[in-house]
Amino acid sequence: MTTPEAADRRRVQRAAFSVGVWVAAVSAIVVALGVSVLVAVILLRARVENNEHATPFPGGHRGSDDDLVVDVDRVLPWVIGLGILGVLILSLIAWFAARRAVQPLGEALRLQRNFVADASHELRTPLTTLTSRIQIAQRRLERGGDVAEALDQLRSDADAMNDMLTDLLMAAEGKAETTAVSPVGDAMDAAVSRLRPLADDSAVSLEVFSSDRAVRMPLPTLTRILMAVIDNAIQHSPRGATVTIAAATARDDVEIRVSDHGSGIDSADAERIFERFARGSETGRRRGFGLGLALVRDVLTRYSGRIEVESTSPSGTTFLITLPSARA
């Protein structure tokens, strides 16, 4: 089995070989052209001078056996000029070849940065949920209550984090598992269950209107998409408010709407909030990294879906997630 390190070494070797071949091939072409031009100039000048019964080449003369004698002082400027031109051309080609060869390295670095940022952001909410559940278990234990249910929830959350990391690794590798079919209702229930402790801490109610439709996307992926959007709604909802998550069918698509009763989104931020590290007005209780909705859009794009701000006003915002429907 090929290890990632071996694959990286092969990519570096291929890039180095590519640069070497480019430079060698172009060097040979440039040298051949330079020599050809120089020989052509010498022969052409010699022929002209021959026809005029004069010196056959600037700086040259006919010997006793019609040999062409070249004056180095006249030829040297041509050689120097062609040499300088060749060096400049080779430098330009080498720069172009090197730039082309290191493009995969730049892409790899970009993917690495994105993965670190994505993982940091995606793990923030599950870790907060784990902390809340641990605190609940501690309070029950102090009162002598049963903590079995809390421990089961903790184990479920740990499994969810493991699925999330696996999904992030697949995303970093550019893979989209389009063969998995997931019921939308299961993903909605899982997302709401994992976010319930955060909603309770914020005194926000979660209302779910499920659906029996399915989409072609792994269940962990769909769940973390919904968690990101619902968590965003919880953060921007006032205490005592309700966040509504509703699924509906629209022709061949499944539409999922997440509505909050926050202060709305500025018109200037309606599109910018889907960009990486972009933040709207800081009205939420927990400051994020400016990645959540950008990650949602990136993942949905991989699965032929989309997210948009369907409506926003001072009384609340509704996000619309659209995905192609699939048979369960």
Protein backbone atom coordinates (compact mmCIF):
# COMPACT_ATOMS: atom_id res chain seq x y z
CA MET A 1 0.00 0.00 0.00
CA THR A 2 1.33 3.41 -0.96
CA THR A 3 1.90 5.75 1.97
CA PRO A 4 1.13 9.49 1.73
CA GLU A 5 4.85 10.23 2.24
CA ALA A 6 5.79 8.03 -0.72
CA ALA A 7 3.13 9.67 -2.86
CA ASP A 8 4.46 13.12 -1.91
CA ARG A 9 8.01 12.08 -2.78
CA ARG A 10 6.85 10.85 -6.18
CA ARG A 11 5.07 14.13 -6.84
CA VAL A 12 8.21 16.09 -5.95
CA GLN A 13 10.34 13.84 -8.16
CA ARG A 14 7.91 14.23 -11.05
CA ALA A 15 7.95 18.00 -10.61
CA ALA A 16 11.77 18.08 -10.57
CA PHE A 17 11.95 15.79 -13.61
CA SER A 18 9.42 17.96 -15.43
CA VAL A 19 11.48 21.10 -14.79
CA GLY A 20 14.66 19.33 -15.91
CA VAL A 21 13.10 18.07 -19.13
CA TRP A 22 11.62 21.47 -19.91
CA VAL A 23 14.89 23.31 -19.36
CA ALA A 24 16.95 20.70 -21.23
CA ALA A 25 14.61 20.60 -24.21
CA VAL A 26 14.31 24.35 -24.50
CA SER A 27 18.06 24.78 -24.00
CA ALA A 28 18.72 22.41 -26.88
CA ILE A 29 16.25 24.27 -29.08
CA VAL A 30 17.67 27.69 -28.20
CA VAL A 31 21.27 26.55 -28.74
CA ALA A 32 20.35 24.94 -32.06
CA LEU A 33 18.56 28.08 -33.19
CA GLY A 34 21.45 30.27 -32.10
CA VAL A 35 24.01 28.17 -33.95
CA SER A 36 21.77 28.05 -37.02
CA VAL A 37 21.36 31.82 -37.05
CA LEU A 38 25.08 32.35 -36.62
CA VAL A 39 25.98 29.92 -39.42
CA ALA A 40 23.31 31.38 -41.67
CA VAL A 41 24.61 34.91 -41.13
CA ILE A 42 28.19 33.84 -41.82
CA LEU A 43 27.27 31.97 -45.00
CA LEU A 44 24.96 34.71 -46.23
CA ARG A 45 27.55 37.42 -45.73
CA ALA A 46 30.18 35.23 -47.32
CA ARG A 47 27.99 34.65 -50.38
CA VAL A 48 27.29 38.36 -50.77
CA GLU A 49 30.94 39.22 -50.52
CA ASN A 50 31.80 36.42 -52.95
CA ASN A 51 29.43 37.81 -55.54
CA GLU A 52 30.99 41.22 -55.22
CA HIS A 53 34.51 39.75 -55.50
CA ALA A 54 35.27 41.29 -52.19
CA THR A 55 36.07 39.99 -48.76
CA PRO A 56 33.69 36.99 -48.32
CA PHE A 57 32.66 37.91 -44.77
CA PRO A 58 33.08 41.00 -42.67
CA GLY A 59 36.41 40.40 -41.09
CA GLY A 60 37.19 37.43 -43.41
CA HIS A 61 38.96 36.90 -46.76
CA ARG A 62 39.54 34.18 -49.29
CA GLY A 63 42.52 31.99 -48.72
CA SER A 64 44.59 30.31 -51.39
CA ASP A 65 42.16 27.34 -51.65
CA ASP A 66 38.92 29.36 -51.39
CA ASP A 67 38.83 28.72 -47.63
CA LEU A 68 36.70 31.08 -45.59
CA VAL A 69 38.78 32.93 -43.07
CA VAL A 70 36.74 34.57 -40.30
CA ASP A 71 37.81 37.68 -38.48
CA VAL A 72 37.08 36.95 -34.80
CA ASP A 73 36.72 40.65 -33.99
CA ARG A 74 33.78 40.87 -36.40
CA VAL A 75 32.13 37.59 -35.39
CA LEU A 76 32.52 37.98 -31.62
CA PRO A 77 29.71 40.60 -31.23
CA TRP A 78 27.31 38.19 -32.93
CA VAL A 79 28.32 35.38 -30.61
CA ILE A 80 27.99 37.57 -27.51
CA GLY A 81 24.62 38.94 -28.62
CA LEU A 82 23.21 35.52 -29.36
CA GLY A 83 24.60 34.21 -26.06
CA ILE A 84 22.93 36.96 -24.03
CA LEU A 85 19.66 36.46 -25.89
CA GLY A 86 19.87 32.72 -25.26
CA VAL A 87 20.50 33.21 -21.55
CA LEU A 88 17.51 35.54 -21.26
CA ILE A 89 15.24 33.13 -23.12
CA LEU A 90 16.43 30.18 -21.04
CA SER A 91 15.89 32.14 -17.82
CA LEU A 92 12.35 32.99 -18.86
CA ILE A 93 11.59 29.38 -19.81
CA ALA A 94 13.12 28.06 -16.58
CA TRP A 95 11.02 30.51 -14.55
CA PHE A 96 7.87 29.44 -16.40
CA ALA A 97 8.67 25.73 -15.99
CA ALA A 98 9.43 26.11 -12.28
CA ARG A 99 6.23 28.07 -11.72
CA ARG A 100 4.23 25.40 -13.49
CA ALA A 101 5.95 22.62 -11.54
CA VAL A 102 5.33 24.15 -8.09
CA GLN A 103 1.63 24.77 -8.70
CA PRO A 104 0.72 21.39 -7.14
CA LEU A 105 2.79 22.34 -4.08
CA GLY A 106 0.91 25.61 -3.73
CA GLU A 107 -2.39 23.77 -4.06
CA ALA A 108 -1.27 21.25 -1.42
CA LEU A 109 -0.37 24.06 0.98
CA ARG A 110 -3.73 25.72 0.38
CA LEU A 111 -5.56 22.46 1.08
CA GLN A 112 -3.49 21.96 4.22
CA ARG A 113 -4.33 25.43 5.53
CA ASN A 114 -8.00 24.92 4.72
CA PHE A 115 -8.08 21.55 6.47
CA VAL A 116 -6.50 22.94 9.65
CA ALA A 117 -8.94 25.86 9.65
CA ASP A 118 -11.91 23.63 8.82
CA ALA A 119 -11.06 21.06 11.48
CA SER A 120 -10.54 23.77 14.10
CA HIS A 121 -13.90 25.29 13.32
CA GLU A 122 -15.87 22.07 12.91
CA LEU A 123 -14.62 20.63 16.20
CA ARG A 124 -15.49 23.77 18.14
CA THR A 125 -19.24 23.08 18.37
CA PRO A 126 -18.97 19.33 19.21
CA LEU A 127 -16.40 20.11 21.91
CA THR A 128 -18.70 22.75 23.37
CA THR A 129 -21.52 20.19 23.34
CA LEU A 130 -19.30 17.63 25.06
CA THR A 131 -18.42 20.16 27.74
CA SER A 132 -22.10 20.89 28.36
CA ARG A 133 -22.95 17.19 28.62
CA ILE A 134 -20.05 16.58 31.01
CA GLN A 135 -21.28 19.40 33.23
CA ILE A 136 -24.78 17.88 33.20
CA ALA A 137 -23.36 14.48 34.13
CA GLN A 138 -21.33 16.02 36.96
CA ARG A 139 -24.38 17.77 38.40
CA ARG A 140 -26.41 14.55 38.26
CA LEU A 141 -23.58 12.61 39.87
CA GLU A 142 -23.31 15.16 42.69
CA ARG A 143 -27.03 14.74 43.37
CA GLY A 144 -26.70 10.96 43.26
CA GLY A 145 -28.69 10.73 40.04
CA ASP A 146 -28.36 8.30 37.15
CA VAL A 147 -25.66 9.32 34.66
CA ALA A 148 -26.08 6.38 32.28
CA GLU A 149 -28.06 8.45 29.79
CA ALA A 150 -25.49 11.26 29.88
CA LEU A 151 -22.68 8.77 29.28
CA ASP A 152 -24.54 7.29 26.31
CA GLN A 153 -24.93 10.78 24.88
CA LEU A 154 -21.22 11.46 25.41
CA ARG A 155 -20.31 8.30 23.55
CA SER A 156 -22.68 9.24 20.74
CA ASP A 157 -21.08 12.68 20.53
CA ALA A 158 -17.61 11.11 20.41
CA ASP A 159 -18.71 8.86 17.54
CA ALA A 160 -20.11 11.90 15.77
CA MET A 161 -16.77 13.70 16.13
CA ASN A 162 -15.00 10.69 14.64
CA ASP A 163 -17.40 10.68 11.67
CA MET A 164 -16.86 14.41 11.27
CA LEU A 165 -13.08 14.04 11.14
CA THR A 166 -13.40 11.27 8.55
CA ASP A 167 -15.66 13.51 6.48
CA LEU A 168 -13.20 16.39 6.75
CA LEU A 169 -10.36 14.15 5.55
CA MET A 170 -12.42 13.11 2.54
CA ALA A 171 -13.17 16.75 1.79
CA ALA A 172 -9.46 17.64 2.04
CA GLU A 173 -8.72 14.93 -0.53
CA GLY A 174 -11.40 16.33 -2.84
CA LYS A 175 -13.60 13.24 -2.57
CA ALA A 176 -17.37 13.35 -2.66
CA GLU A 177 -19.14 10.09 -1.78
CA THR A 178 -22.16 10.33 -4.06
CA THR A 179 -23.27 6.70 -3.59
CA ALA A 180 -24.48 7.15 -0.01
CA VAL A 181 -28.17 7.93 0.41
CA SER A 182 -29.23 9.56 3.69
CA PRO A 183 -32.73 10.31 5.01
CA VAL A 184 -33.10 14.02 5.64
CA GLY A 185 -35.15 13.38 8.77
CA ASP A 186 -32.38 11.33 10.38
CA ALA A 187 -29.82 14.07 9.78
CA MET A 188 -32.17 16.73 11.17
CA ASP A 189 -32.86 14.68 14.31
CA ALA A 190 -29.14 13.98 14.84
CA ALA A 191 -28.17 17.62 14.39
CA VAL A 192 -30.86 18.87 16.76
CA SER A 193 -30.00 16.23 19.37
CA ARG A 194 -26.33 17.21 19.40
CA LEU A 195 -27.08 20.92 19.56
CA ARG A 196 -29.78 20.65 22.22
CA PRO A 197 -27.38 21.36 25.14
CA LEU A 198 -26.15 24.55 23.44
CA ALA A 199 -29.71 25.64 22.71
CA ASP A 200 -30.72 24.99 26.33
CA ASP A 201 -27.76 27.01 27.60
CA SER A 202 -28.89 29.89 25.38
CA ALA A 203 -32.58 29.47 26.33
CA VAL A 204 -33.43 28.87 22.67
CA SER A 205 -36.06 26.34 21.59
CA LEU A 206 -35.55 24.09 18.56
CA GLU A 207 -38.59 23.20 16.47
CA VAL A 208 -38.28 20.52 13.77
CA PHE A 209 -40.55 19.75 10.82
CA SER A 210 -38.99 16.65 9.33
CA SER A 211 -39.28 14.95 5.94
CA ASP A 212 -39.24 11.40 4.65
CA ARG A 213 -37.17 12.35 1.60
CA ALA A 214 -33.51 11.42 1.16
CA VAL A 215 -30.49 12.99 -0.52
CA ARG A 216 -27.36 11.51 -2.07
CA MET A 217 -24.88 12.47 0.62
CA PRO A 218 -23.27 10.66 3.58
CA LEU A 219 -25.27 11.05 6.78
CA PRO A 220 -22.33 12.54 8.77
CA THR A 221 -21.82 15.15 6.05
CA LEU A 222 -25.47 16.18 5.95
CA THR A 223 -25.60 16.24 9.74
CA ARG A 224 -22.61 18.55 10.13
CA ILE A 225 -24.01 20.87 7.44
CA LEU A 226 -27.24 21.20 9.38
CA MET A 227 -25.36 21.57 12.66
CA ALA A 228 -23.37 24.49 11.26
CA VAL A 229 -26.46 26.36 10.05
CA ILE A 230 -28.53 25.58 13.17
CA ASP A 231 -25.64 26.54 15.46
CA ASN A 232 -25.37 29.84 13.60
CA ALA A 233 -29.09 30.43 14.14
CA ILE A 234 -28.80 29.64 17.86
CA GLN A 235 -25.93 32.08 18.27
CA HIS A 236 -27.90 34.91 16.67
CA SER A 237 -31.22 34.27 18.44
CA PRO A 238 -32.24 36.17 21.56
CA ARG A 239 -33.01 34.24 24.73
CA GLY A 240 -36.48 32.75 24.69
CA ALA A 241 -36.63 32.64 20.90
CA THR A 242 -37.29 29.62 18.68
CA VAL A 243 -35.18 28.28 15.83
CA THR A 244 -37.22 26.40 13.24
CA ILE A 245 -35.79 23.67 11.02
CA ALA A 246 -38.19 22.58 8.27
CA ALA A 247 -37.75 20.26 5.28
CA ALA A 248 -39.94 20.32 2.18
CA THR A 249 -40.00 18.90 -1.34
CA ALA A 250 -39.66 21.10 -4.40
CA ARG A 251 -39.87 19.06 -7.63
CA ASP A 252 -36.67 16.99 -7.73
CA ASP A 253 -35.03 18.82 -4.84
CA VAL A 254 -35.20 18.77 -1.07
CA GLU A 255 -35.33 22.19 0.58
CA ILE A 256 -34.31 22.67 4.20
CA ARG A 257 -35.03 25.99 5.85
CA VAL A 258 -33.44 27.16 9.08
CA SER A 259 -35.14 30.23 10.53
CA ASP A 260 -34.16 32.32 13.52
CA HIS A 261 -35.54 35.41 15.21
CA GLY A 262 -32.32 37.38 15.39
CA SER A 263 -31.60 40.91 14.26
CA GLY A 264 -31.18 39.99 10.59
CA ILE A 265 -28.27 40.35 8.18
CA ASP A 266 -27.09 43.59 6.61
CA SER A 267 -27.62 43.67 2.86
CA ALA A 268 -23.88 44.17 2.37
CA ASP A 269 -23.19 40.94 4.29
CA ALA A 270 -25.78 38.73 2.59
CA GLU A 271 -23.23 37.24 0.16
CA ARG A 272 -20.03 37.95 2.05
CA ILE A 273 -21.01 35.68 4.94
CA PHE A 274 -20.43 32.68 2.64
CA GLU A 275 -16.79 33.65 2.14
CA ARG A 276 -14.00 32.17 4.24
CA PHE A 277 -12.99 34.26 7.26
CA ALA A 278 -15.68 36.81 6.48
CA ARG A 279 -17.86 37.92 9.37
CA GLY A 280 -21.03 39.87 9.50
CA SER A 281 -22.00 42.05 12.40
CA GLU A 282 -20.87 40.42 15.67
CA THR A 283 -24.29 39.91 17.22
CA GLY A 284 -23.78 36.28 18.22
CA ARG A 285 -22.95 35.17 21.75
CA ARG A 286 -19.98 33.04 20.69
CA ARG A 287 -17.40 34.46 18.35
CA GLY A 288 -16.59 32.04 15.52
CA PHE A 289 -13.77 31.84 13.05
CA GLY A 290 -15.74 33.12 10.06
CA LEU A 291 -15.76 29.65 8.50
CA GLY A 292 -19.07 27.96 9.26
CA LEU A 293 -21.28 29.09 6.39
CA ALA A 294 -18.34 29.08 3.98
CA LEU A 295 -17.73 25.42 4.81
CA VAL A 296 -21.41 24.65 4.32
CA ARG A 297 -21.36 26.23 0.87
CA ASP A 298 -18.17 24.38 -0.13
CA VAL A 299 -19.58 21.00 0.93
CA LEU A 300 -22.94 21.60 -0.73
CA THR A 301 -21.22 22.58 -3.96
CA ARG A 302 -19.43 19.21 -3.98
CA TYR A 303 -22.82 17.50 -3.84
CA SER A 304 -24.58 19.73 -6.40
CA GLY A 305 -26.37 21.67 -3.68
CA ARG A 306 -26.45 25.29 -2.59
CA ILE A 307 -27.23 27.57 0.34
CA GLU A 308 -28.61 31.08 0.25
CA VAL A 309 -30.23 33.71 2.41
CA GLU A 310 -33.88 33.31 1.47
CA SER A 311 -35.09 36.21 3.59
CA THR A 312 -33.76 38.52 6.26
CA SER A 313 -35.21 41.37 8.30
CA PRO A 314 -34.80 42.91 11.75
CA SER A 315 -37.12 40.17 13.04
CA GLY A 316 -35.12 37.19 11.77
CA THR A 317 -33.34 35.35 8.97
CA THR A 318 -34.11 32.23 6.96
CA PHE A 319 -31.37 30.19 5.30
CA LEU A 320 -32.40 27.89 2.46
CA ILE A 321 -30.44 24.69 1.74
CA THR A 322 -31.26 22.96 -1.54
CA LEU A 323 -30.09 19.45 -2.45
CA PRO A 324 -31.06 17.02 -5.24
CA SER A 325 -33.48 14.42 -3.97
CA ALA A 326 -32.64 10.70 -4.03
CA ARG A 327 -34.55 7.49 -3.44
CA ALA A 328 -33.99 6.16 0.07
